[in-house]
Amino acid sequence: MDIIITDYIEPLSEDQIRTLLKTEKLTVSFFSRHPKRIKQRSYNYLSHTLSIALFYSIPVVQLVVTYQRVR
């Protein structure tokens, strides 16, 4: 049974580093090599934050609407 690790980041060789530095457009994305698991955690954090924001904004909207109707 072969075990495949998909979350491992292999270091760049010296030749790969040289070719990378010779490119004209160097951006942060060239230097950031994150595993998929970390990216998934980031998306999960964003979705949880949006859910909490929605949960706390509903009573505020209800309060404003009620205040407008009474006044």
PDB file of N, CA and C in Angstrom:
ATOM      1  N   MET A   1       0.843  -1.181   0.000  1.00  0.00           N
ATOM      2  CA  MET A   1       0.000   0.000   0.000  1.00  0.00           C
ATOM      3  C   MET A   1       0.888   1.244   0.000  1.00  0.00           C
ATOM      4  N   ASP A   2       0.775   2.049  -1.033  1.00  0.00           N
ATOM      5  CA  ASP A   2       1.571   3.271  -1.148  1.00  0.00           C
ATOM      6  C   ASP A   2       0.831   4.430  -0.494  1.00  0.00           C
ATOM      7  N   ILE A   3       1.564   5.214   0.257  1.00  0.00           N
ATOM      8  CA  ILE A   3       0.999   6.389   0.903  1.00  0.00           C
ATOM      9  C   ILE A   3       1.455   7.610   0.122  1.00  0.00           C
ATOM     10  N   ILE A   4       0.490   8.390  -0.327  1.00  0.00           N
ATOM     11  CA  ILE A   4       0.791   9.605  -1.087  1.00  0.00           C
ATOM     12  C   ILE A   4       0.493  10.802  -0.203  1.00  0.00           C
ATOM     13  N   ILE A   5       1.489  11.620   0.023  1.00  0.00           N
ATOM     14  CA  ILE A   5       1.328  12.831   0.820  1.00  0.00           C
ATOM     15  C   ILE A   5       1.155  13.990  -0.151  1.00  0.00           C
ATOM     16  N   THR A   6      -0.019  14.600  -0.135  1.00  0.00           N
ATOM     17  CA  THR A   6      -0.298  15.692  -1.064  1.00  0.00           C
ATOM     18  C   THR A   6      -0.107  17.056  -0.427  1.00  0.00           C
ATOM     19  N   ASP A   7       0.154  17.085   0.861  1.00  0.00           N
ATOM     20  CA  ASP A   7       0.252  18.347   1.571  1.00  0.00           C
ATOM     21  C   ASP A   7       1.700  18.763   1.834  1.00  0.00           C
ATOM     22  N   TYR A   8       2.618  18.139   1.171  1.00  0.00           N
ATOM     23  CA  TYR A   8       4.029  18.388   1.397  1.00  0.00           C
ATOM     24  C   TYR A   8       4.538  19.374   0.357  1.00  0.00           C
ATOM     25  N   ILE A   9       5.307  20.338   0.794  1.00  0.00           N
ATOM     26  CA  ILE A   9       5.888  21.318  -0.121  1.00  0.00           C
ATOM     27  C   ILE A   9       7.347  20.946  -0.335  1.00  0.00           C
ATOM     28  N   GLU A  10       7.677  20.647  -1.562  1.00  0.00           N
ATOM     29  CA  GLU A  10       9.065  20.308  -1.859  1.00  0.00           C
ATOM     30  C   GLU A  10       9.864  21.586  -2.053  1.00  0.00           C
ATOM     31  N   PRO A  11      11.061  21.648  -1.498  1.00  0.00           N
ATOM     32  CA  PRO A  11      11.873  22.850  -1.687  1.00  0.00           C
ATOM     33  C   PRO A  11      12.332  22.963  -3.137  1.00  0.00           C
ATOM     34  N   LEU A  12      12.549  24.193  -3.542  1.00  0.00           N
ATOM     35  CA  LEU A  12      13.016  24.431  -4.903  1.00  0.00           C
ATOM     36  C   LEU A  12      14.495  24.109  -5.027  1.00  0.00           C
ATOM     37  N   SER A  13      14.853  23.612  -6.176  1.00  0.00           N
ATOM     38  CA  SER A  13      16.274  23.375  -6.425  1.00  0.00           C
ATOM     39  C   SER A  13      16.934  24.698  -6.813  1.00  0.00           C
ATOM     40  N   GLU A  14      18.241  24.691  -6.878  1.00  0.00           N
ATOM     41  CA  GLU A  14      18.959  25.930  -7.224  1.00  0.00           C
ATOM     42  C   GLU A  14      18.640  26.371  -8.637  1.00  0.00           C
ATOM     43  N   ASP A  15      18.499  25.419  -9.555  1.00  0.00           N
ATOM     44  CA  ASP A  15      18.160  25.776 -10.936  1.00  0.00           C
ATOM     45  C   ASP A  15      16.765  26.395 -11.022  1.00  0.00           C
ATOM     46  N   GLN A  16      15.837  25.865 -10.266  1.00  0.00           N
ATOM     47  CA  GLN A  16      14.497  26.429 -10.263  1.00  0.00           C
ATOM     48  C   GLN A  16      14.493  27.833  -9.674  1.00  0.00           C
ATOM     49  N   ILE A  17      15.292  28.051  -8.663  1.00  0.00           N
ATOM     50  CA  ILE A  17      15.381  29.386  -8.055  1.00  0.00           C
ATOM     51  C   ILE A  17      15.978  30.375  -9.047  1.00  0.00           C
ATOM     52  N   ARG A  18      17.010  29.961  -9.766  1.00  0.00           N
ATOM     53  CA  ARG A  18      17.637  30.851 -10.758  1.00  0.00           C
ATOM     54  C   ARG A  18      16.659  31.233 -11.857  1.00  0.00           C
ATOM     55  N   THR A  19      15.929  30.252 -12.393  1.00  0.00           N
ATOM     56  CA  THR A  19      14.963  30.564 -13.447  1.00  0.00           C
ATOM     57  C   THR A  19      13.824  31.415 -12.924  1.00  0.00           C
ATOM     58  N   LEU A  20      13.453  31.204 -11.683  1.00  0.00           N
ATOM     59  CA  LEU A  20      12.400  32.015 -11.080  1.00  0.00           C
ATOM     60  C   LEU A  20      12.837  33.465 -10.939  1.00  0.00           C
ATOM     61  N   LEU A  21      14.057  33.682 -10.526  1.00  0.00           N
ATOM     62  CA  LEU A  21      14.548  35.048 -10.340  1.00  0.00           C
ATOM     63  C   LEU A  21      14.827  35.759 -11.655  1.00  0.00           C
ATOM     64  N   LYS A  22      14.995  35.020 -12.743  1.00  0.00           N
ATOM     65  CA  LYS A  22      15.235  35.630 -14.048  1.00  0.00           C
ATOM     66  C   LYS A  22      13.960  36.099 -14.733  1.00  0.00           C
ATOM     67  N   THR A  23      12.811  35.683 -14.239  1.00  0.00           N
ATOM     68  CA  THR A  23      11.561  36.111 -14.859  1.00  0.00           C
ATOM     69  C   THR A  23      11.361  37.600 -14.629  1.00  0.00           C
ATOM     70  N   GLU A  24      10.646  38.223 -15.552  1.00  0.00           N
ATOM     71  CA  GLU A  24      10.452  39.671 -15.472  1.00  0.00           C
ATOM     72  C   GLU A  24       9.419  40.073 -14.433  1.00  0.00           C
ATOM     73  N   LYS A  25       8.386  39.272 -14.297  1.00  0.00           N
ATOM     74  CA  LYS A  25       7.310  39.630 -13.376  1.00  0.00           C
ATOM     75  C   LYS A  25       7.421  38.796 -12.103  1.00  0.00           C
ATOM     76  N   LEU A  26       8.056  39.353 -11.101  1.00  0.00           N
ATOM     77  CA  LEU A  26       8.133  38.673  -9.808  1.00  0.00           C
ATOM     78  C   LEU A  26       7.002  39.180  -8.931  1.00  0.00           C
ATOM     79  N   THR A  27       6.191  38.267  -8.465  1.00  0.00           N
ATOM     80  CA  THR A  27       5.099  38.627  -7.566  1.00  0.00           C
ATOM     81  C   THR A  27       5.170  37.746  -6.321  1.00  0.00           C
ATOM     82  N   VAL A  28       4.331  38.063  -5.379  1.00  0.00           N
ATOM     83  CA  VAL A  28       4.305  37.310  -4.136  1.00  0.00           C
ATOM     84  C   VAL A  28       3.846  35.875  -4.400  1.00  0.00           C
ATOM     85  N   SER A  29       2.973  35.702  -5.395  1.00  0.00           N
ATOM     86  CA  SER A  29       2.461  34.364  -5.669  1.00  0.00           C
ATOM     87  C   SER A  29       3.556  33.413  -6.128  1.00  0.00           C
ATOM     88  N   PHE A  30       4.619  33.945  -6.710  1.00  0.00           N
ATOM     89  CA  PHE A  30       5.739  33.084  -7.084  1.00  0.00           C
ATOM     90  C   PHE A  30       6.428  32.511  -5.845  1.00  0.00           C
ATOM     91  N   PHE A  31       6.469  33.310  -4.793  1.00  0.00           N
ATOM     92  CA  PHE A  31       7.205  32.903  -3.610  1.00  0.00           C
ATOM     93  C   PHE A  31       6.343  32.186  -2.580  1.00  0.00           C
ATOM     94  N   SER A  32       5.045  32.322  -2.696  1.00  0.00           N
ATOM     95  CA  SER A  32       4.174  31.648  -1.733  1.00  0.00           C
ATOM     96  C   SER A  32       3.703  30.331  -2.324  1.00  0.00           C
ATOM     97  N   ARG A  33       4.037  29.277  -1.654  1.00  0.00           N
ATOM     98  CA  ARG A  33       3.634  27.945  -2.094  1.00  0.00           C
ATOM     99  C   ARG A  33       2.967  27.251  -0.921  1.00  0.00           C
ATOM    100  N   HIS A  34       1.655  27.478  -0.787  1.00  0.00           N
ATOM    101  CA  HIS A  34       0.919  26.942   0.346  1.00  0.00           C
ATOM    102  C   HIS A  34       0.251  25.626  -0.031  1.00  0.00           C
ATOM    103  N   PRO A  35       0.175  24.717   0.901  1.00  0.00           N
ATOM    104  CA  PRO A  35      -0.568  23.482   0.652  1.00  0.00           C
ATOM    105  C   PRO A  35      -2.068  23.762   0.535  1.00  0.00           C
ATOM    106  N   LYS A  36      -2.782  22.849  -0.055  1.00  0.00           N
ATOM    107  CA  LYS A  36      -4.224  23.023  -0.240  1.00  0.00           C
ATOM    108  C   LYS A  36      -4.959  23.081   1.086  1.00  0.00           C
ATOM    109  N   ARG A  37      -4.456  22.387   2.089  1.00  0.00           N
ATOM    110  CA  ARG A  37      -5.130  22.355   3.384  1.00  0.00           C
ATOM    111  C   ARG A  37      -5.180  23.750   4.008  1.00  0.00           C
ATOM    112  N   ILE A  38      -4.099  24.495   3.899  1.00  0.00           N
ATOM    113  CA  ILE A  38      -4.070  25.839   4.477  1.00  0.00           C
ATOM    114  C   ILE A  38      -5.012  26.763   3.722  1.00  0.00           C
ATOM    115  N   LYS A  39      -5.070  26.615   2.400  1.00  0.00           N
ATOM    116  CA  LYS A  39      -5.985  27.427   1.609  1.00  0.00           C
ATOM    117  C   LYS A  39      -7.433  27.102   1.974  1.00  0.00           C
ATOM    118  N   GLN A  40      -7.737  25.834   2.185  1.00  0.00           N
ATOM    119  CA  GLN A  40      -9.083  25.434   2.574  1.00  0.00           C
ATOM    120  C   GLN A  40      -9.447  26.005   3.942  1.00  0.00           C
ATOM    121  N   ARG A  41      -8.495  26.016   4.862  1.00  0.00           N
ATOM    122  CA  ARG A  41      -8.752  26.611   6.178  1.00  0.00           C
ATOM    123  C   ARG A  41      -9.071  28.097   6.042  1.00  0.00           C
ATOM    124  N   SER A  42      -8.383  28.765   5.143  1.00  0.00           N
ATOM    125  CA  SER A  42      -8.613  30.181   4.933  1.00  0.00           C
ATOM    126  C   SER A  42     -10.035  30.418   4.421  1.00  0.00           C
ATOM    127  N   TYR A  43     -10.487  29.595   3.476  1.00  0.00           N
ATOM    128  CA  TYR A  43     -11.846  29.743   2.958  1.00  0.00           C
ATOM    129  C   TYR A  43     -12.883  29.401   4.026  1.00  0.00           C
ATOM    130  N   ASN A  44     -12.585  28.412   4.868  1.00  0.00           N
ATOM    131  CA  ASN A  44     -13.498  28.082   5.955  1.00  0.00           C
ATOM    132  C   ASN A  44     -13.619  29.235   6.935  1.00  0.00           C
ATOM    133  N   TYR A  45     -12.501  29.877   7.249  1.00  0.00           N
ATOM    134  CA  TYR A  45     -12.515  31.016   8.158  1.00  0.00           C
ATOM    135  C   TYR A  45     -13.366  32.139   7.574  1.00  0.00           C
ATOM    136  N   LEU A  46     -13.231  32.388   6.289  1.00  0.00           N
ATOM    137  CA  LEU A  46     -14.004  33.446   5.642  1.00  0.00           C
ATOM    138  C   LEU A  46     -15.494  33.126   5.679  1.00  0.00           C
ATOM    139  N   SER A  47     -15.864  31.887   5.405  1.00  0.00           N
ATOM    140  CA  SER A  47     -17.283  31.539   5.405  1.00  0.00           C
ATOM    141  C   SER A  47     -17.865  31.621   6.819  1.00  0.00           C
ATOM    142  N   HIS A  48     -17.099  31.226   7.829  1.00  0.00           N
ATOM    143  CA  HIS A  48     -17.583  31.341   9.208  1.00  0.00           C
ATOM    144  C   HIS A  48     -17.747  32.805   9.609  1.00  0.00           C
ATOM    145  N   THR A  49     -16.821  33.639   9.191  1.00  0.00           N
ATOM    146  CA  THR A  49     -16.907  35.066   9.512  1.00  0.00           C
ATOM    147  C   THR A  49     -18.132  35.698   8.859  1.00  0.00           C
ATOM    148  N   LEU A  50     -18.408  35.338   7.613  1.00  0.00           N
ATOM    149  CA  LEU A  50     -19.588  35.877   6.935  1.00  0.00           C
ATOM    150  C   LEU A  50     -20.880  35.383   7.582  1.00  0.00           C
ATOM    151  N   SER A  51     -20.897  34.141   8.017  1.00  0.00           N
ATOM    152  CA  SER A  51     -22.087  33.608   8.692  1.00  0.00           C
ATOM    153  C   SER A  51     -22.345  34.344  10.001  1.00  0.00           C
ATOM    154  N   ILE A  52     -21.303  34.588  10.766  1.00  0.00           N
ATOM    155  CA  ILE A  52     -21.448  35.306  12.040  1.00  0.00           C
ATOM    156  C   ILE A  52     -21.880  36.745  11.797  1.00  0.00           C
ATOM    157  N   ALA A  53     -21.325  37.372  10.770  1.00  0.00           N
ATOM    158  CA  ALA A  53     -21.717  38.751  10.445  1.00  0.00           C
ATOM    159  C   ALA A  53     -23.193  38.815  10.068  1.00  0.00           C
ATOM    160  N   LEU A  54     -23.660  37.863   9.299  1.00  0.00           N
ATOM    161  CA  LEU A  54     -25.078  37.815   8.930  1.00  0.00           C
ATOM    162  C   LEU A  54     -25.944  37.572  10.166  1.00  0.00           C
ATOM    163  N   PHE A  55     -25.522  36.668  11.018  1.00  0.00           N
ATOM    164  CA  PHE A  55     -26.269  36.336  12.225  1.00  0.00           C
ATOM    165  C   PHE A  55     -26.431  37.560  13.131  1.00  0.00           C
ATOM    166  N   TYR A  56     -25.389  38.363  13.270  1.00  0.00           N
ATOM    167  CA  TYR A  56     -25.467  39.530  14.152  1.00  0.00           C
ATOM    168  C   TYR A  56     -26.093  40.746  13.470  1.00  0.00           C
ATOM    169  N   SER A  57     -26.137  40.778  12.155  1.00  0.00           N
ATOM    170  CA  SER A  57     -26.711  41.944  11.481  1.00  0.00           C
ATOM    171  C   SER A  57     -28.229  41.864  11.359  1.00  0.00           C
ATOM    172  N   ILE A  58     -28.811  40.673  11.401  1.00  0.00           N
ATOM    173  CA  ILE A  58     -30.263  40.538  11.268  1.00  0.00           C
ATOM    174  C   ILE A  58     -31.006  41.259  12.394  1.00  0.00           C
ATOM    175  N   PRO A  59     -30.649  41.087  13.680  1.00  0.00           N
ATOM    176  CA  PRO A  59     -31.365  41.836  14.732  1.00  0.00           C
ATOM    177  C   PRO A  59     -31.198  43.351  14.609  1.00  0.00           C
ATOM    178  N   VAL A  60     -30.066  43.796  14.127  1.00  0.00           N
ATOM    179  CA  VAL A  60     -29.847  45.232  13.964  1.00  0.00           C
ATOM    180  C   VAL A  60     -30.795  45.780  12.903  1.00  0.00           C
ATOM    181  N   VAL A  61     -30.924  45.071  11.805  1.00  0.00           N
ATOM    182  CA  VAL A  61     -31.837  45.500  10.738  1.00  0.00           C
ATOM    183  C   VAL A  61     -33.271  45.479  11.246  1.00  0.00           C
ATOM    184  N   GLN A  62     -33.647  44.444  11.990  1.00  0.00           N
ATOM    185  CA  GLN A  62     -34.994  44.376  12.552  1.00  0.00           C
ATOM    186  C   GLN A  62     -35.256  45.546  13.500  1.00  0.00           C
ATOM    187  N   LEU A  63     -34.280  45.903  14.294  1.00  0.00           N
ATOM    188  CA  LEU A  63     -34.431  47.024  15.226  1.00  0.00           C
ATOM    189  C   LEU A  63     -34.619  48.338  14.468  1.00  0.00           C
ATOM    190  N   VAL A  64     -33.862  48.551  13.423  1.00  0.00           N
ATOM    191  CA  VAL A  64     -33.980  49.786  12.638  1.00  0.00           C
ATOM    192  C   VAL A  64     -35.339  49.861  11.965  1.00  0.00           C
ATOM    193  N   VAL A  65     -35.800  48.762  11.406  1.00  0.00           N
ATOM    194  CA  VAL A  65     -37.115  48.747  10.743  1.00  0.00           C
ATOM    195  C   VAL A  65     -38.217  49.009  11.755  1.00  0.00           C
ATOM    196  N   THR A  66     -38.138  48.394  12.918  1.00  0.00           N
ATOM    197  CA  THR A  66     -39.140  48.612  13.966  1.00  0.00           C
ATOM    198  C   THR A  66     -39.119  50.060  14.433  1.00  0.00           C
ATOM    199  N   TYR A  67     -37.951  50.626  14.595  1.00  0.00           N
ATOM    200  CA  TYR A  67     -37.823  52.020  15.013  1.00  0.00           C
ATOM    201  C   TYR A  67     -38.441  52.963  13.966  1.00  0.00           C
ATOM    202  N   GLN A  68     -38.224  52.663  12.699  1.00  0.00           N
ATOM    203  CA  GLN A  68     -38.786  53.512  11.628  1.00  0.00           C
ATOM    204  C   GLN A  68     -40.299  53.435  11.597  1.00  0.00           C
ATOM    205  N   ARG A  69     -40.866  52.269  11.883  1.00  0.00           N
ATOM    206  CA  ARG A  69     -42.323  52.118  11.869  1.00  0.00           C
ATOM    207  C   ARG A  69     -42.968  52.833  13.053  1.00  0.00           C
ATOM    208  N   VAL A  70     -42.341  52.797  14.203  1.00  0.00           N
ATOM    209  CA  VAL A  70     -42.906  53.434  15.399  1.00  0.00           C
ATOM    210  C   VAL A  70     -42.842  54.937  15.270  1.00  0.00           C
ATOM    211  N   ARG A  71     -41.819  55.448  14.730  1.00  0.00           N
ATOM    212  CA  ARG A  71     -41.595  56.885  14.633  1.00  0.00           C
ATOM    213  C   ARG A  71     -42.378  57.476  13.564  1.00  0.00           C
TER     214      ARG A  71
END
